[in-house]
Amino acid sequence: MGCQSTKQFKKETKNKANLINDLKSDPSQVQLSSDDIKIIRSSWKVLTKKGDFKTHGINMMIKLFQRHPEIKHIWKFAAKLNTEEEMRENTQLKSHGNNIFEAINAAVNSLEKNNRQNSSLVELGKKHSLYGAKKCYFHIMQDAFIEVLSDALESEFTEQIKNAWLKCFEFFTSQMSKGLVE
């Protein structure tokens, strides 16, 4: 179960590749500028006004599973969910989607003080290693999140917002990946 989906996405998204190249050769050194943090926080605020974490979370999980059904098996409760209706009605999937957005919320709220190292994200990575998570799965999750953000913000979604969030998720991924290998 490789990361072929991630490779395909990276080919399709030139801006993401350029942004990651700009982050230098060591992704563990990803740092967000004060402008990035302002953009992330303001767009997060708009997102949260346009729905609750459970709603956004389930939308993200549905997008994830519709585009990458090959990874549904990681979530035992999701392995046999085939239709969008089944996914929307599944309480465990709703709960997990909500938990993801709660974790993103906590990380967003601590960006200034944890811009170099976020021990909570490292611990979250350790927890996910128990489930067989791979770094590429975080990138797949990022893709689904960006799509949910774009859908929610509609015309307010800009390239600047997208790039700030891609950089933010690169930071989140670098921190969680530390937990995968420790």
Protein backbone atom coordinates (compact mmCIF):
# COMPACT_ATOMS: atom_id res chain seq x y z
CA MET A 1 0.00 0.00 0.00
CA GLY A 2 2.32 2.70 -1.25
CA CYS A 3 1.88 6.37 -1.71
CA GLN A 4 1.06 6.38 -5.42
CA SER A 5 -1.89 8.73 -4.83
CA THR A 6 0.41 11.29 -3.28
CA LYS A 7 2.79 11.09 -6.24
CA GLN A 8 -0.09 11.73 -8.61
CA PHE A 9 -1.31 14.70 -6.60
CA LYS A 10 2.17 16.23 -6.47
CA LYS A 11 2.40 15.99 -10.25
CA GLU A 12 -0.93 17.78 -10.63
CA THR A 13 -0.15 20.58 -8.17
CA LYS A 14 2.86 22.56 -9.34
CA ASN A 15 2.33 25.31 -6.79
CA LYS A 16 2.66 22.84 -3.95
CA ALA A 17 5.91 21.47 -5.35
CA ASN A 18 7.31 24.96 -5.76
CA LEU A 19 6.26 25.92 -2.25
CA ILE A 20 7.86 22.84 -0.71
CA ASN A 21 11.07 23.47 -2.68
CA ASP A 22 11.09 26.97 -1.23
CA LEU A 23 11.05 25.49 2.27
CA LYS A 24 14.65 24.36 1.82
CA SER A 25 15.87 20.80 1.93
CA ASP A 26 14.87 20.03 5.54
CA PRO A 27 11.08 19.98 6.01
CA SER A 28 11.53 19.64 9.77
CA GLN A 29 12.71 23.26 9.67
CA VAL A 30 9.45 24.55 8.20
CA GLN A 31 8.55 27.82 9.87
CA LEU A 32 5.53 29.96 9.31
CA SER A 33 5.90 33.70 8.98
CA SER A 34 3.69 36.02 10.99
CA ASP A 35 1.82 36.76 7.74
CA ASP A 36 1.26 33.02 7.16
CA ILE A 37 -0.12 32.69 10.69
CA LYS A 38 -2.46 35.66 10.20
CA ILE A 39 -3.76 34.18 6.94
CA ILE A 40 -4.21 30.75 8.50
CA ARG A 41 -5.99 32.12 11.56
CA SER A 42 -8.30 34.44 9.62
CA SER A 43 -9.29 31.74 7.12
CA TRP A 44 -9.74 29.25 9.99
CA LYS A 45 -12.08 31.74 11.67
CA VAL A 46 -14.14 32.04 8.48
CA LEU A 47 -14.21 28.25 8.09
CA THR A 48 -15.48 27.72 11.64
CA LYS A 49 -18.26 30.26 11.06
CA LYS A 50 -19.42 28.23 8.05
CA GLY A 51 -19.96 24.99 9.91
CA ASP A 52 -18.92 22.99 12.93
CA PHE A 53 -15.93 20.66 13.21
CA LYS A 54 -18.09 17.57 12.87
CA THR A 55 -19.57 18.81 9.57
CA HIS A 56 -16.23 19.86 8.11
CA GLY A 57 -14.61 16.70 9.45
CA ILE A 58 -17.11 14.34 7.87
CA ASN A 59 -16.85 16.26 4.58
CA MET A 60 -13.07 15.86 4.69
CA MET A 61 -13.25 12.14 5.48
CA ILE A 62 -15.74 11.59 2.63
CA LYS A 63 -13.46 13.41 0.18
CA LEU A 64 -10.53 11.38 1.47
CA PHE A 65 -12.28 8.03 1.03
CA GLN A 66 -13.86 8.89 -2.30
CA ARG A 67 -10.48 9.83 -3.77
CA HIS A 68 -8.42 7.23 -1.94
CA PRO A 69 -10.54 4.15 -1.16
CA GLU A 70 -7.32 2.14 -0.94
CA ILE A 71 -6.61 3.60 2.50
CA LYS A 72 -10.07 3.06 4.07
CA HIS A 73 -8.85 -0.16 5.66
CA ILE A 74 -6.73 1.88 8.09
CA TRP A 75 -9.95 2.89 9.83
CA LYS A 76 -11.58 -0.43 10.73
CA PHE A 77 -14.96 1.27 11.09
CA ALA A 78 -14.68 2.73 7.58
CA ALA A 79 -13.47 -0.29 5.63
CA LYS A 80 -16.98 -1.32 4.57
CA LEU A 81 -18.45 2.14 4.05
CA ASN A 82 -19.07 2.47 0.33
CA THR A 83 -21.57 5.24 -0.25
CA GLU A 84 -21.53 8.86 0.81
CA GLU A 85 -24.77 8.24 2.71
CA GLU A 86 -23.20 5.38 4.68
CA MET A 87 -20.23 7.61 5.50
CA ARG A 88 -22.39 10.56 6.58
CA GLU A 89 -24.42 8.33 8.90
CA ASN A 90 -21.46 6.56 10.53
CA THR A 91 -21.00 7.90 14.07
CA GLN A 92 -17.37 6.75 14.31
CA LEU A 93 -16.48 8.53 11.09
CA LYS A 94 -18.22 11.69 12.30
CA SER A 95 -16.34 11.47 15.56
CA HIS A 96 -12.99 10.92 13.87
CA GLY A 97 -13.56 13.83 11.49
CA ASN A 98 -14.45 16.02 14.47
CA ASN A 99 -11.29 14.88 16.30
CA ILE A 100 -9.15 15.81 13.30
CA PHE A 101 -10.61 19.30 13.25
CA GLU A 102 -10.18 19.62 17.01
CA ALA A 103 -6.49 18.71 16.57
CA ILE A 104 -6.10 21.22 13.72
CA ASN A 105 -7.79 23.84 15.89
CA ALA A 106 -5.39 23.21 18.77
CA ALA A 107 -2.40 23.34 16.41
CA VAL A 108 -3.63 26.56 14.76
CA ASN A 109 -4.17 28.17 18.16
CA SER A 110 -0.61 27.38 19.23
CA LEU A 111 1.24 28.36 16.05
CA GLU A 112 3.21 31.29 17.49
CA LYS A 113 4.53 29.46 20.52
CA ASN A 114 5.09 26.15 18.71
CA ASN A 115 6.34 27.31 15.33
CA ARG A 116 9.53 25.25 15.50
CA GLN A 117 8.52 22.21 17.51
CA ASN A 118 5.07 21.03 18.49
CA SER A 119 5.24 18.16 20.96
CA SER A 120 1.48 17.59 20.73
CA LEU A 121 1.78 16.89 17.01
CA VAL A 122 4.81 14.64 17.57
CA GLU A 123 2.75 12.67 20.11
CA LEU A 124 -0.14 12.50 17.67
CA GLY A 125 2.28 11.07 15.10
CA LYS A 126 3.37 8.41 17.62
CA LYS A 127 -0.25 7.48 18.20
CA HIS A 128 -0.84 7.18 14.47
CA SER A 129 2.22 4.97 14.02
CA LEU A 130 0.35 2.34 16.05
CA TYR A 131 -2.23 2.27 13.25
CA GLY A 132 0.34 1.93 10.49
CA ALA A 133 0.17 5.54 9.33
CA LYS A 134 2.68 6.73 6.76
CA LYS A 135 3.83 10.26 6.06
CA CYS A 136 2.12 10.20 2.67
CA TYR A 137 -1.24 9.66 4.40
CA PHE A 138 -0.84 13.07 6.05
CA HIS A 139 -0.37 14.61 2.61
CA ILE A 140 -3.51 12.86 1.37
CA MET A 141 -5.37 14.22 4.40
CA GLN A 142 -3.98 17.67 3.62
CA ASP A 143 -5.38 17.48 0.10
CA ALA A 144 -8.86 16.66 1.42
CA PHE A 145 -8.60 19.47 4.00
CA ILE A 146 -7.61 22.04 1.37
CA GLU A 147 -10.61 20.99 -0.70
CA VAL A 148 -12.97 21.37 2.29
CA LEU A 149 -11.45 24.76 3.04
CA SER A 150 -11.88 25.84 -0.58
CA ASP A 151 -15.50 24.62 -0.65
CA ALA A 152 -16.33 26.44 2.60
CA LEU A 153 -14.59 29.72 1.79
CA GLU A 154 -15.89 29.75 -1.79
CA SER A 155 -14.89 33.04 -3.46
CA GLU A 156 -12.87 34.04 -0.38
CA PHE A 157 -10.45 31.15 -1.03
CA THR A 158 -7.32 32.55 -2.65
CA GLU A 159 -3.97 31.25 -3.81
CA GLN A 160 -2.42 33.07 -0.83
CA ILE A 161 -4.68 31.19 1.61
CA LYS A 162 -3.97 27.90 -0.15
CA ASN A 163 -0.20 28.44 -0.01
CA ALA A 164 -0.27 29.44 3.67
CA TRP A 165 -2.23 26.29 4.52
CA LEU A 166 0.04 24.08 2.40
CA LYS A 167 3.00 25.47 4.32
CA CYS A 168 1.12 24.98 7.60
CA PHE A 169 0.32 21.37 6.74
CA GLU A 170 3.93 20.79 5.78
CA PHE A 171 4.79 21.93 9.31
CA PHE A 172 2.08 19.69 10.81
CA THR A 173 3.31 16.75 8.70
CA SER A 174 6.95 17.32 9.63
CA GLN A 175 6.02 17.29 13.32
CA MET A 176 3.76 14.24 13.12
CA SER A 177 6.36 12.41 11.03
CA LYS A 178 8.86 12.81 13.88
CA GLY A 179 6.47 10.76 15.96
CA LEU A 180 6.23 8.07 13.28
CA VAL A 181 9.95 7.37 13.46
CA GLU A 182 10.70 7.85 17.15
